[in-house]
Amino acid sequence: MSDLRQQLQKHYDAQALSVAKVDAILTEGRAAVEGGEKVVALPGRPAARWRVRWAIAVSLALLVGLGWLRPWEPMRLSYALFAPRIVEFFGTPPALPKRSQNPEELRVWLLAQGAPADFEIPARLRTLKSFGCQVVDVHGHPAYLTCFWSEKKPGVDEGSLVHLLVARRRDFRDVPPATPQFRELGGWSFAAWSEGDVIYTLAAAAPLEKLQMFVAHPKEWSKLMAARRGRRPFNS
């Protein structure tokens, strides 16, 4: 028996293969060498395949642990896109599925739709009559809208509105700080600030000064406006 055959015999004996099986494999191997036909690869060891699977599983676990592979978490959106989306949303008069002149009733409805549990209607808006509410899709992230009458004509649903939107901090990056930040865009004015895990955005289709009474005490407004002139508006 040739050295090659003896080596193969020992190899396949270890895997409980018969001599006939070894002869068949040798025959195929000779035919491949002599006739230029395909070479039959020897079967891989099961243990080697198990090690490959194990290495892949460990690699995936490391990626998840390092935060590089989190398919279940949506990507955080730049807050700079928030105001343009709101202007776009109001480009067509939206439907308001819940209407009430009681702001607290609207807050309860928004909580039932998934609004942050700790969000509160700012004190300066509680004195106004509310109009309605809705959940706005901001590029895949929800913003919870409440509309208030800043000026209302008697007996009809006409007048000027100011809009409060709340969103979760975890859905956005570059979020505004606790001190209100201001922006004007497309005939709209915005004031935004954060409290804990909630981002508050006040919006009105009006000059920025119209937000004065709802954001800061009148005595503080001149300071805020002076500070705004000295820096860029939020996420411009």
Protein backbone atom coordinates (compact mmCIF):
# COMPACT_ATOMS: atom_id res chain seq x y z
CA MET A 1 0.00 0.00 0.00
CA SER A 2 1.43 3.40 -0.99
CA ASP A 3 2.29 6.03 1.63
CA LEU A 4 -0.55 8.25 0.37
CA ARG A 5 -3.06 5.46 0.69
CA GLN A 6 -1.84 4.58 4.17
CA GLN A 7 -2.21 8.19 5.31
CA LEU A 8 -5.72 8.43 3.90
CA GLN A 9 -6.59 5.05 5.40
CA LYS A 10 -5.61 6.29 8.85
CA HIS A 11 -7.47 9.59 8.35
CA TYR A 12 -10.76 7.96 7.38
CA ASP A 13 -10.43 5.14 9.86
CA ALA A 14 -10.57 7.82 12.53
CA GLN A 15 -13.94 8.87 11.09
CA ALA A 16 -15.27 5.32 10.92
CA LEU A 17 -15.22 5.16 7.07
CA SER A 18 -14.96 1.84 5.27
CA VAL A 19 -12.07 0.80 3.04
CA ALA A 20 -14.46 0.79 0.07
CA LYS A 21 -15.21 4.46 0.72
CA VAL A 22 -11.51 5.29 0.80
CA ASP A 23 -10.99 3.46 -2.51
CA ALA A 24 -13.82 5.45 -4.11
CA ILE A 25 -12.30 8.75 -2.98
CA LEU A 26 -8.86 7.74 -4.26
CA THR A 27 -10.34 6.79 -7.62
CA GLU A 28 -12.00 10.20 -7.97
CA GLY A 29 -8.76 11.90 -6.98
CA ARG A 30 -6.72 10.07 -9.63
CA ALA A 31 -9.32 10.87 -12.30
CA ALA A 32 -9.14 14.56 -11.41
CA VAL A 33 -5.34 14.65 -11.64
CA GLU A 34 -5.11 12.65 -14.87
CA GLY A 35 -8.08 14.14 -16.70
CA GLY A 36 -8.06 17.72 -15.41
CA GLU A 37 -11.42 17.20 -13.79
CA LYS A 38 -12.54 18.86 -10.57
CA VAL A 39 -10.75 17.91 -7.36
CA VAL A 40 -12.97 16.54 -4.64
CA ALA A 41 -12.33 18.35 -1.35
CA LEU A 42 -12.01 16.21 1.74
CA PRO A 43 -14.91 16.67 4.16
CA GLY A 44 -14.23 19.28 6.85
CA ARG A 45 -14.24 18.33 10.47
CA PRO A 46 -17.48 19.14 12.35
CA ALA A 47 -15.41 20.66 15.14
CA ALA A 48 -13.94 23.23 12.73
CA ARG A 49 -17.39 24.30 11.55
CA TRP A 50 -18.50 24.67 15.17
CA ARG A 51 -15.54 26.95 15.91
CA VAL A 52 -16.45 29.20 12.96
CA ARG A 53 -20.06 29.52 14.14
CA TRP A 54 -18.86 30.26 17.66
CA ALA A 55 -16.50 33.00 16.43
CA ILE A 56 -19.32 34.66 14.44
CA ALA A 57 -21.63 34.60 17.46
CA VAL A 58 -18.96 36.17 19.68
CA SER A 59 -18.29 38.90 17.11
CA LEU A 60 -21.99 39.81 16.90
CA ALA A 61 -22.23 39.92 20.68
CA LEU A 62 -19.25 42.29 20.85
CA LEU A 63 -20.76 44.58 18.21
CA VAL A 64 -24.01 44.78 20.15
CA GLY A 65 -22.19 45.38 23.41
CA LEU A 66 -20.15 48.21 21.91
CA GLY A 67 -23.25 49.86 20.49
CA TRP A 68 -22.28 49.35 16.84
CA LEU A 69 -25.16 47.05 16.04
CA ARG A 70 -28.50 48.16 17.51
CA PRO A 71 -31.16 47.48 14.87
CA TRP A 72 -33.96 47.82 17.43
CA GLU A 73 -33.06 51.44 18.27
CA PRO A 74 -34.00 54.13 15.72
CA MET A 75 -31.29 56.64 14.90
CA ARG A 76 -31.49 59.93 16.77
CA LEU A 77 -32.57 62.83 14.59
CA SER A 78 -30.95 66.24 14.53
CA TYR A 79 -33.21 68.73 16.29
CA ALA A 80 -32.37 71.19 13.51
CA LEU A 81 -34.94 69.32 11.39
CA PHE A 82 -37.74 69.82 13.90
CA ALA A 83 -38.83 73.37 12.96
CA PRO A 84 -38.82 72.76 9.17
CA ARG A 85 -40.99 69.69 9.69
CA ILE A 86 -43.53 71.69 11.74
CA VAL A 87 -43.72 74.38 9.05
CA GLU A 88 -44.31 71.63 6.50
CA PHE A 89 -46.95 69.98 8.71
CA PHE A 90 -49.01 73.18 8.93
CA GLY A 91 -48.61 73.86 5.21
CA THR A 92 -51.92 72.05 4.83
CA PRO A 93 -54.50 72.58 7.60
CA PRO A 94 -54.11 69.40 9.67
CA ALA A 95 -56.87 67.27 11.10
CA LEU A 96 -57.11 67.37 14.88
CA PRO A 97 -58.55 64.06 16.10
CA LYS A 98 -59.18 65.40 19.59
CA ARG A 99 -60.71 68.83 20.27
CA SER A 100 -61.44 70.48 23.57
CA GLN A 101 -61.26 73.88 25.21
CA ASN A 102 -59.87 72.17 28.32
CA PRO A 103 -56.05 71.87 28.03
CA GLU A 104 -55.86 69.15 30.68
CA GLU A 105 -58.30 66.99 28.73
CA LEU A 106 -56.03 67.24 25.71
CA ARG A 107 -52.99 66.41 27.81
CA VAL A 108 -54.67 63.22 29.04
CA TRP A 109 -55.46 62.26 25.45
CA LEU A 110 -51.83 62.80 24.39
CA LEU A 111 -50.58 60.72 27.31
CA ALA A 112 -52.79 57.89 26.08
CA GLN A 113 -51.08 58.21 22.67
CA GLY A 114 -47.63 57.79 24.24
CA ALA A 115 -46.58 61.32 25.21
CA PRO A 116 -43.87 61.58 27.90
CA ALA A 117 -45.46 60.89 31.26
CA ASP A 118 -43.77 63.86 32.93
CA PHE A 119 -44.69 66.52 30.38
CA GLU A 120 -46.69 69.47 31.68
CA ILE A 121 -48.45 72.34 29.97
CA PRO A 122 -46.45 75.51 30.76
CA ALA A 123 -48.21 77.75 33.26
CA ARG A 124 -48.51 80.66 30.81
CA LEU A 125 -50.49 78.48 28.40
CA ARG A 126 -52.90 77.07 30.99
CA THR A 127 -54.77 80.36 31.09
CA LEU A 128 -55.66 80.01 27.39
CA LYS A 129 -58.46 78.02 25.86
CA SER A 130 -57.20 75.04 23.94
CA PHE A 131 -58.39 74.05 20.48
CA GLY A 132 -57.19 70.52 19.71
CA CYS A 133 -54.29 68.11 19.62
CA GLN A 134 -52.51 65.65 17.36
CA VAL A 135 -49.42 63.45 17.13
CA VAL A 136 -46.98 64.76 14.52
CA ASP A 137 -44.52 62.45 12.78
CA VAL A 138 -41.14 64.20 12.74
CA HIS A 139 -39.17 61.98 10.38
CA GLY A 140 -40.04 58.83 12.28
CA HIS A 141 -40.18 60.33 15.78
CA PRO A 142 -43.41 61.47 17.48
CA ALA A 143 -44.04 65.02 18.63
CA TYR A 144 -47.18 65.67 20.67
CA LEU A 145 -49.04 68.80 19.60
CA THR A 146 -51.51 70.95 21.53
CA CYS A 147 -53.04 74.05 19.92
CA PHE A 148 -54.13 77.06 21.99
CA TRP A 149 -56.02 80.21 21.12
CA SER A 150 -53.78 83.22 21.69
CA GLU A 151 -56.49 85.41 20.15
CA LYS A 152 -59.97 84.12 19.31
CA LYS A 153 -62.93 85.67 17.55
CA PRO A 154 -66.14 85.20 19.56
CA GLY A 155 -68.45 82.40 18.46
CA VAL A 156 -66.27 80.97 15.66
CA ASP A 157 -63.17 78.82 15.36
CA GLU A 158 -61.09 81.66 13.99
CA GLY A 159 -58.24 83.66 15.42
CA SER A 160 -54.54 83.27 16.20
CA LEU A 161 -53.09 80.03 17.53
CA VAL A 162 -49.97 79.18 19.44
CA HIS A 163 -48.79 75.59 19.33
CA LEU A 164 -47.01 73.54 21.97
CA LEU A 165 -45.09 70.44 20.91
CA VAL A 166 -43.37 68.04 23.26
CA ALA A 167 -40.91 65.32 22.30
CA ARG A 168 -38.50 62.96 23.99
CA ARG A 169 -34.89 64.02 24.38
CA ARG A 170 -33.69 60.50 23.52
CA ASP A 171 -35.14 60.83 19.99
CA PHE A 172 -32.99 63.84 19.09
CA ARG A 173 -29.44 65.10 19.20
CA ASP A 174 -28.34 68.75 19.48
CA VAL A 175 -31.30 69.44 21.77
CA PRO A 176 -31.94 72.93 23.17
CA PRO A 177 -30.79 73.70 26.74
CA ALA A 178 -33.00 74.67 29.67
CA THR A 179 -32.87 78.35 28.67
CA PRO A 180 -35.31 79.06 25.80
CA GLN A 181 -33.69 79.31 22.37
CA PHE A 182 -35.35 81.15 19.48
CA ARG A 183 -35.65 80.74 15.77
CA GLU A 184 -37.63 82.21 12.86
CA LEU A 185 -38.32 80.16 9.75
CA GLY A 186 -40.68 80.58 6.82
CA GLY A 187 -42.94 83.12 8.55
CA TRP A 188 -42.99 81.03 11.74
CA SER A 189 -41.41 81.70 15.12
CA PHE A 190 -40.11 79.07 17.50
CA ALA A 191 -38.96 78.94 21.10
CA ALA A 192 -37.49 75.70 22.42
CA TRP A 193 -36.09 74.44 25.72
CA SER A 194 -35.57 71.18 27.57
CA GLU A 195 -36.70 70.03 30.98
CA GLY A 196 -35.41 66.65 32.08
CA ASP A 197 -36.19 64.12 29.37
CA VAL A 198 -38.72 66.37 27.59
CA ILE A 199 -38.13 68.89 24.80
CA TYR A 200 -40.68 71.72 24.67
CA THR A 201 -41.19 73.66 21.44
CA LEU A 202 -43.51 76.64 21.15
CA ALA A 203 -44.48 77.64 17.60
CA ALA A 204 -46.61 80.36 16.05
CA ALA A 205 -47.19 81.65 12.54
CA ALA A 206 -46.40 85.13 13.78
CA PRO A 207 -43.46 87.42 14.61
CA LEU A 208 -41.22 86.21 17.40
CA GLU A 209 -42.45 88.90 19.76
CA LYS A 210 -45.86 87.17 19.82
CA LEU A 211 -44.28 84.39 21.87
CA GLN A 212 -43.11 86.85 24.51
CA MET A 213 -45.92 86.38 26.99
CA PHE A 214 -45.77 82.59 26.78
CA VAL A 215 -42.03 82.07 27.20
CA ALA A 216 -40.69 84.61 29.67
CA HIS A 217 -41.78 87.36 32.01
CA PRO A 218 -41.99 90.69 30.15
CA LYS A 219 -39.12 92.07 32.23
CA GLU A 220 -36.93 89.20 31.10
CA TRP A 221 -37.85 89.45 27.44
CA SER A 222 -35.46 92.28 26.60
CA LYS A 223 -32.60 90.30 28.15
CA LEU A 224 -33.52 87.21 26.16
CA MET A 225 -33.78 89.14 22.89
CA ALA A 226 -30.44 90.87 23.55
CA ALA A 227 -28.83 87.51 24.24
CA ARG A 228 -30.38 86.12 21.05
CA ARG A 229 -28.91 88.93 18.97
CA GLY A 230 -25.53 88.04 20.35
CA ARG A 231 -25.65 84.39 19.29
CA ARG A 232 -26.96 82.21 16.52
CA PRO A 233 -30.51 80.86 16.86
CA PHE A 234 -30.84 77.24 17.91
CA ASN A 235 -29.73 74.74 15.29
CA SER A 236 -29.86 77.23 12.45
